[in-house]
């Protein structure tokens, strides 16, 4: 009997929040959903936080994930940006915490390293690897969606149950095996 596990990955943001849900059944790994929450049309930061809570709460109700993984805020020089991002991260986690779901946090560099083999990878490199690992071709409008999926995949890999896509373990190996997909 194959155990089924669903992981929700979140790339928090105050303008665009990315999310992805993956499902593991035995050794099979599949993409359930990915997308973005666009918040730029809301000028009030409290309304933005409310929209973040509503979307994550809805995703949890719809997909019933077993675990939630989130990207940790990047520590930059702008304290106000950090404060806003920290609020977005906290409110995104609230629906999971209320339901006592296990929550895991990963640094951006750790996520990139887990997905591409390079902690300094670009969003485009992460997106290509996510597409390869989960075997889908469509490119989302915003790379924040594939970033959300990358957070979920990173958590899966850190849990000690890695699934490889044809043995691709690094960005260099991906380029070698997929020259037609890299420009």
C-alpha atoms as a PDB file:
ATOM      1  CA  UNK A   1       0.000   0.000   0.000  1.00  0.00           C
ATOM      2  CA  UNK A   2       1.390   3.378  -1.053  1.00  0.00           C
ATOM      3  CA  UNK A   3       1.316   6.160   1.492  1.00  0.00           C
ATOM      4  CA  UNK A   4       0.043   9.452   0.105  1.00  0.00           C
ATOM      5  CA  UNK A   5       1.461  12.795   1.226  1.00  0.00           C
ATOM      6  CA  UNK A   6       0.575  16.301   0.066  1.00  0.00           C
ATOM      7  CA  UNK A   7       2.936  19.236   0.610  1.00  0.00           C
ATOM      8  CA  UNK A   8       1.966  22.887   0.210  1.00  0.00           C
ATOM      9  CA  UNK A   9       4.878  25.162  -0.691  1.00  0.00           C
ATOM     10  CA  UNK A  10       4.615  28.930  -0.273  1.00  0.00           C
ATOM     11  CA  UNK A  11       6.786  31.708  -1.691  1.00  0.00           C
ATOM     12  CA  UNK A  12       5.490  34.626   0.410  1.00  0.00           C
ATOM     13  CA  UNK A  13       5.216  38.115  -0.967  1.00  0.00           C
ATOM     14  CA  UNK A  14       3.330  41.317  -0.372  1.00  0.00           C
ATOM     15  CA  UNK A  15       2.735  41.999  -4.073  1.00  0.00           C
ATOM     16  CA  UNK A  16       2.776  38.460  -5.510  1.00  0.00           C
ATOM     17  CA  UNK A  17       2.575  35.292  -3.424  1.00  0.00           C
ATOM     18  CA  UNK A  18       3.442  32.009  -5.140  1.00  0.00           C
ATOM     19  CA  UNK A  19       2.200  28.586  -4.106  1.00  0.00           C
ATOM     20  CA  UNK A  20       2.487  24.996  -5.230  1.00  0.00           C
ATOM     21  CA  UNK A  21       1.068  21.683  -4.083  1.00  0.00           C
ATOM     22  CA  UNK A  22       2.777  18.392  -4.767  1.00  0.00           C
ATOM     23  CA  UNK A  23       1.591  14.872  -4.057  1.00  0.00           C
ATOM     24  CA  UNK A  24       3.797  11.896  -3.228  1.00  0.00           C
ATOM     25  CA  UNK A  25       2.356   8.423  -3.593  1.00  0.00           C
ATOM     26  CA  UNK A  26       4.967   5.772  -3.037  1.00  0.00           C
ATOM     27  CA  UNK A  27       7.772   6.811  -5.382  1.00  0.00           C
ATOM     28  CA  UNK A  28       5.504   8.848  -7.652  1.00  0.00           C
ATOM     29  CA  UNK A  29       5.679  12.615  -7.421  1.00  0.00           C
ATOM     30  CA  UNK A  30       3.055  14.824  -9.093  1.00  0.00           C
ATOM     31  CA  UNK A  31       1.983  18.437  -9.271  1.00  0.00           C
ATOM     32  CA  UNK A  32      -1.516  19.047  -7.915  1.00  0.00           C
ATOM     33  CA  UNK A  33      -1.710  22.824  -8.331  1.00  0.00           C
ATOM     34  CA  UNK A  34       0.373  25.959  -8.593  1.00  0.00           C
ATOM     35  CA  UNK A  35      -0.400  29.607  -8.930  1.00  0.00           C
ATOM     36  CA  UNK A  36      -0.010  33.100  -7.647  1.00  0.00           C
ATOM     37  CA  UNK A  37      -2.016  35.528  -5.605  1.00  0.00           C
ATOM     38  CA  UNK A  38      -1.718  38.993  -7.137  1.00  0.00           C
ATOM     39  CA  UNK A  39      -2.007  41.687  -4.509  1.00  0.00           C
ATOM     40  CA  UNK A  40      -0.849  44.854  -6.296  1.00  0.00           C
ATOM     41  CA  UNK A  41      -4.420  46.091  -6.837  1.00  0.00           C
ATOM     42  CA  UNK A  42      -4.914  46.436  -3.070  1.00  0.00           C
ATOM     43  CA  UNK A  43      -3.280  49.564  -1.696  1.00  0.00           C
ATOM     44  CA  UNK A  44      -4.175  48.814   1.936  1.00  0.00           C
ATOM     45  CA  UNK A  45      -1.562  46.441   3.414  1.00  0.00           C
ATOM     46  CA  UNK A  46      -4.134  44.988   5.829  1.00  0.00           C
ATOM     47  CA  UNK A  47      -6.415  44.012   2.950  1.00  0.00           C
ATOM     48  CA  UNK A  48      -3.426  42.317   1.295  1.00  0.00           C
ATOM     49  CA  UNK A  49      -2.791  40.317   4.467  1.00  0.00           C
ATOM     50  CA  UNK A  50      -6.453  39.319   4.595  1.00  0.00           C
ATOM     51  CA  UNK A  51      -6.312  38.112   0.978  1.00  0.00           C
ATOM     52  CA  UNK A  52      -3.185  36.049   1.756  1.00  0.00           C
ATOM     53  CA  UNK A  53      -4.944  34.392   4.692  1.00  0.00           C
ATOM     54  CA  UNK A  54      -8.062  33.672   2.610  1.00  0.00           C
ATOM     55  CA  UNK A  55      -6.128  32.082  -0.288  1.00  0.00           C
ATOM     56  CA  UNK A  56      -3.928  29.858   1.877  1.00  0.00           C
ATOM     57  CA  UNK A  57      -6.931  28.868   4.005  1.00  0.00           C
ATOM     58  CA  UNK A  58      -8.831  27.957   0.827  1.00  0.00           C
ATOM     59  CA  UNK A  59      -5.894  25.900  -0.520  1.00  0.00           C
ATOM     60  CA  UNK A  60      -5.632  24.002   2.766  1.00  0.00           C
ATOM     61  CA  UNK A  61      -9.371  23.292   2.770  1.00  0.00           C
ATOM     62  CA  UNK A  62      -9.327  22.181  -0.887  1.00  0.00           C
ATOM     63  CA  UNK A  63      -6.184  20.012  -0.903  1.00  0.00           C
ATOM     64  CA  UNK A  64      -5.820  19.032   2.766  1.00  0.00           C
ATOM     65  CA  UNK A  65      -1.990  19.062   2.794  1.00  0.00           C
ATOM     66  CA  UNK A  66      -0.076  16.992   5.329  1.00  0.00           C
ATOM     67  CA  UNK A  67       2.760  19.520   5.641  1.00  0.00           C
ATOM     68  CA  UNK A  68       3.452  23.136   4.743  1.00  0.00           C
ATOM     69  CA  UNK A  69       6.813  24.550   3.674  1.00  0.00           C
ATOM     70  CA  UNK A  70       7.559  28.246   3.305  1.00  0.00           C
ATOM     71  CA  UNK A  71      10.467  30.312   2.062  1.00  0.00           C
ATOM     72  CA  UNK A  72      12.118  32.299   4.839  1.00  0.00           C
ATOM     73  CA  UNK A  73      12.335  36.058   4.324  1.00  0.00           C
ATOM     74  CA  UNK A  74      15.551  37.189   2.669  1.00  0.00           C
ATOM     75  CA  UNK A  75      17.518  39.377   5.054  1.00  0.00           C
ATOM     76  CA  UNK A  76      18.249  42.522   3.107  1.00  0.00           C
ATOM     77  CA  UNK A  77      19.122  46.048   4.087  1.00  0.00           C
ATOM     78  CA  UNK A  78      15.586  47.473   3.984  1.00  0.00           C
ATOM     79  CA  UNK A  79      14.023  46.937   7.411  1.00  0.00           C
ATOM     80  CA  UNK A  80      10.551  48.041   6.247  1.00  0.00           C
ATOM     81  CA  UNK A  81      10.562  45.461   3.436  1.00  0.00           C
ATOM     82  CA  UNK A  82      11.590  42.766   5.890  1.00  0.00           C
ATOM     83  CA  UNK A  83       8.803  43.744   8.255  1.00  0.00           C
ATOM     84  CA  UNK A  84       6.192  43.614   5.452  1.00  0.00           C
ATOM     85  CA  UNK A  85       7.481  40.263   4.204  1.00  0.00           C
ATOM     86  CA  UNK A  86       7.553  38.869   7.737  1.00  0.00           C
ATOM     87  CA  UNK A  87       3.917  39.846   8.191  1.00  0.00           C
ATOM     88  CA  UNK A  88       3.016  38.162   4.883  1.00  0.00           C
ATOM     89  CA  UNK A  89       4.873  35.018   5.934  1.00  0.00           C
ATOM     90  CA  UNK A  90       3.175  34.951   9.334  1.00  0.00           C
ATOM     91  CA  UNK A  91      -0.319  35.404   7.947  1.00  0.00           C
ATOM     92  CA  UNK A  92       0.348  32.766   5.261  1.00  0.00           C
ATOM     93  CA  UNK A  93       1.281  30.294   7.997  1.00  0.00           C
ATOM     94  CA  UNK A  94      -1.703  31.101  10.242  1.00  0.00           C
ATOM     95  CA  UNK A  95      -4.207  28.755   8.519  1.00  0.00           C
ATOM     96  CA  UNK A  96      -1.720  25.867   8.826  1.00  0.00           C
ATOM     97  CA  UNK A  97      -0.892  26.653  12.444  1.00  0.00           C
ATOM     98  CA  UNK A  98      -4.570  26.849  13.393  1.00  0.00           C
ATOM     99  CA  UNK A  99      -4.975  23.298  12.025  1.00  0.00           C
ATOM    100  CA  UNK A 100      -1.775  22.076  13.747  1.00  0.00           C
ATOM    101  CA  UNK A 101      -0.167  21.210  10.417  1.00  0.00           C
ATOM    102  CA  UNK A 102       3.611  20.737  10.530  1.00  0.00           C
ATOM    103  CA  UNK A 103       5.341  23.838   9.128  1.00  0.00           C
ATOM    104  CA  UNK A 104       8.892  23.979   7.781  1.00  0.00           C
ATOM    105  CA  UNK A 105      10.939  27.003   6.721  1.00  0.00           C
ATOM    106  CA  UNK A 106      13.769  27.074   4.179  1.00  0.00           C
ATOM    107  CA  UNK A 107      16.198  29.813   3.176  1.00  0.00           C
ATOM    108  CA  UNK A 108      16.029  30.913  -0.485  1.00  0.00           C
ATOM    109  CA  UNK A 109      19.580  29.675  -1.094  1.00  0.00           C
ATOM    110  CA  UNK A 110      18.735  26.246   0.382  1.00  0.00           C
ATOM    111  CA  UNK A 111      15.716  25.932  -1.923  1.00  0.00           C
ATOM    112  CA  UNK A 112      17.734  26.835  -5.021  1.00  0.00           C
ATOM    113  CA  UNK A 113      20.489  24.417  -3.990  1.00  0.00           C
ATOM    114  CA  UNK A 114      17.978  21.587  -3.464  1.00  0.00           C
ATOM    115  CA  UNK A 115      16.302  22.114  -6.842  1.00  0.00           C
ATOM    116  CA  UNK A 116      19.170  23.089  -9.164  1.00  0.00           C
ATOM    117  CA  UNK A 117      22.330  22.151  -7.292  1.00  0.00           C
ATOM    118  CA  UNK A 118      23.275  25.856  -7.280  1.00  0.00           C
ATOM    119  CA  UNK A 119      22.365  28.164  -4.384  1.00  0.00           C
ATOM    120  CA  UNK A 120      22.719  31.179  -6.694  1.00  0.00           C
ATOM    121  CA  UNK A 121      20.389  29.876  -9.425  1.00  0.00           C
ATOM    122  CA  UNK A 122      18.040  32.280 -11.189  1.00  0.00           C
ATOM    123  CA  UNK A 123      14.239  32.066 -11.010  1.00  0.00           C
ATOM    124  CA  UNK A 124      14.309  30.816 -14.615  1.00  0.00           C
ATOM    125  CA  UNK A 125      16.711  27.983 -13.739  1.00  0.00           C
ATOM    126  CA  UNK A 126      14.515  26.983 -10.805  1.00  0.00           C
ATOM    127  CA  UNK A 127      11.422  27.032 -13.046  1.00  0.00           C
ATOM    128  CA  UNK A 128      13.069  24.802 -15.681  1.00  0.00           C
ATOM    129  CA  UNK A 129      14.167  22.271 -13.075  1.00  0.00           C
ATOM    130  CA  UNK A 130      10.700  22.240 -11.467  1.00  0.00           C
ATOM    131  CA  UNK A 131       9.165  21.623 -14.908  1.00  0.00           C
ATOM    132  CA  UNK A 132      11.596  18.784 -15.527  1.00  0.00           C
ATOM    133  CA  UNK A 133      11.199  17.170 -12.117  1.00  0.00           C
ATOM    134  CA  UNK A 134       7.399  17.217 -12.314  1.00  0.00           C
ATOM    135  CA  UNK A 135       7.213  16.623 -16.067  1.00  0.00           C
ATOM    136  CA  UNK A 136       5.069  19.534 -17.211  1.00  0.00           C
ATOM    137  CA  UNK A 137       5.658  21.963 -20.067  1.00  0.00           C
ATOM    138  CA  UNK A 138       3.397  24.946 -19.433  1.00  0.00           C
ATOM    139  CA  UNK A 139       5.182  28.001 -18.128  1.00  0.00           C
ATOM    140  CA  UNK A 140       3.276  30.022 -15.526  1.00  0.00           C
ATOM    141  CA  UNK A 141       2.696  33.758 -15.977  1.00  0.00           C
ATOM    142  CA  UNK A 142       4.780  34.454 -12.878  1.00  0.00           C
ATOM    143  CA  UNK A 143       7.854  32.526 -11.751  1.00  0.00           C
ATOM    144  CA  UNK A 144       6.603  32.936  -8.178  1.00  0.00           C
ATOM    145  CA  UNK A 145       4.319  29.950  -8.892  1.00  0.00           C
ATOM    146  CA  UNK A 146       7.234  27.641  -9.727  1.00  0.00           C
ATOM    147  CA  UNK A 147       9.073  29.112  -6.735  1.00  0.00           C
ATOM    148  CA  UNK A 148       6.185  27.921  -4.544  1.00  0.00           C
ATOM    149  CA  UNK A 149       6.476  24.450  -6.067  1.00  0.00           C
ATOM    150  CA  UNK A 150      10.252  24.574  -5.502  1.00  0.00           C
ATOM    151  CA  UNK A 151       9.672  25.211  -1.788  1.00  0.00           C
ATOM    152  CA  UNK A 152       7.467  22.089  -1.590  1.00  0.00           C
ATOM    153  CA  UNK A 153      10.049  20.035  -3.520  1.00  0.00           C
ATOM    154  CA  UNK A 154      12.873  21.301  -1.308  1.00  0.00           C
ATOM    155  CA  UNK A 155      10.943  20.148   1.743  1.00  0.00           C
ATOM    156  CA  UNK A 156      10.397  16.750   0.166  1.00  0.00           C
ATOM    157  CA  UNK A 157      14.120  16.403  -0.565  1.00  0.00           C
ATOM    158  CA  UNK A 158      15.065  17.528   2.937  1.00  0.00           C
ATOM    159  CA  UNK A 159      12.714  14.879   4.327  1.00  0.00           C
ATOM    160  CA  UNK A 160      15.065  12.211   3.009  1.00  0.00           C
ATOM    161  CA  UNK A 161      12.881  10.856   0.240  1.00  0.00           C
ATOM    162  CA  UNK A 162      14.276  12.414  -2.922  1.00  0.00           C
ATOM    163  CA  UNK A 163      12.718  11.572  -6.248  1.00  0.00           C
ATOM    164  CA  UNK A 164      14.895  12.205  -9.260  1.00  0.00           C
ATOM    165  CA  UNK A 165      13.720  12.966 -12.763  1.00  0.00           C
ATOM    166  CA  UNK A 166      15.824  10.772 -14.968  1.00  0.00           C
ATOM    167  CA  UNK A 167      18.785  11.152 -12.646  1.00  0.00           C
ATOM    168  CA  UNK A 168      19.066  14.952 -13.049  1.00  0.00           C
ATOM    169  CA  UNK A 169      20.894  16.133  -9.946  1.00  0.00           C
ATOM    170  CA  UNK A 170      22.311  19.534 -10.872  1.00  0.00           C
ATOM    171  CA  UNK A 171      21.809  22.478 -13.181  1.00  0.00           C
ATOM    172  CA  UNK A 172      24.888  21.500 -15.220  1.00  0.00           C
ATOM    173  CA  UNK A 173      23.548  17.972 -15.707  1.00  0.00           C
ATOM    174  CA  UNK A 174      20.141  19.371 -16.670  1.00  0.00           C
ATOM    175  CA  UNK A 175      21.749  21.559 -19.378  1.00  0.00           C
ATOM    176  CA  UNK A 176      23.700  18.592 -20.708  1.00  0.00           C
ATOM    177  CA  UNK A 177      20.573  16.400 -20.881  1.00  0.00           C
ATOM    178  CA  UNK A 178      18.205  19.140 -22.146  1.00  0.00           C
ATOM    179  CA  UNK A 179      20.074  21.498 -24.509  1.00  0.00           C
ATOM    180  CA  UNK A 180      16.849  22.302 -26.390  1.00  0.00           C
ATOM    181  CA  UNK A 181      15.123  23.634 -23.244  1.00  0.00           C
ATOM    182  CA  UNK A 182      17.802  26.138 -22.207  1.00  0.00           C
ATOM    183  CA  UNK A 183      18.326  29.399 -24.078  1.00  0.00           C
END
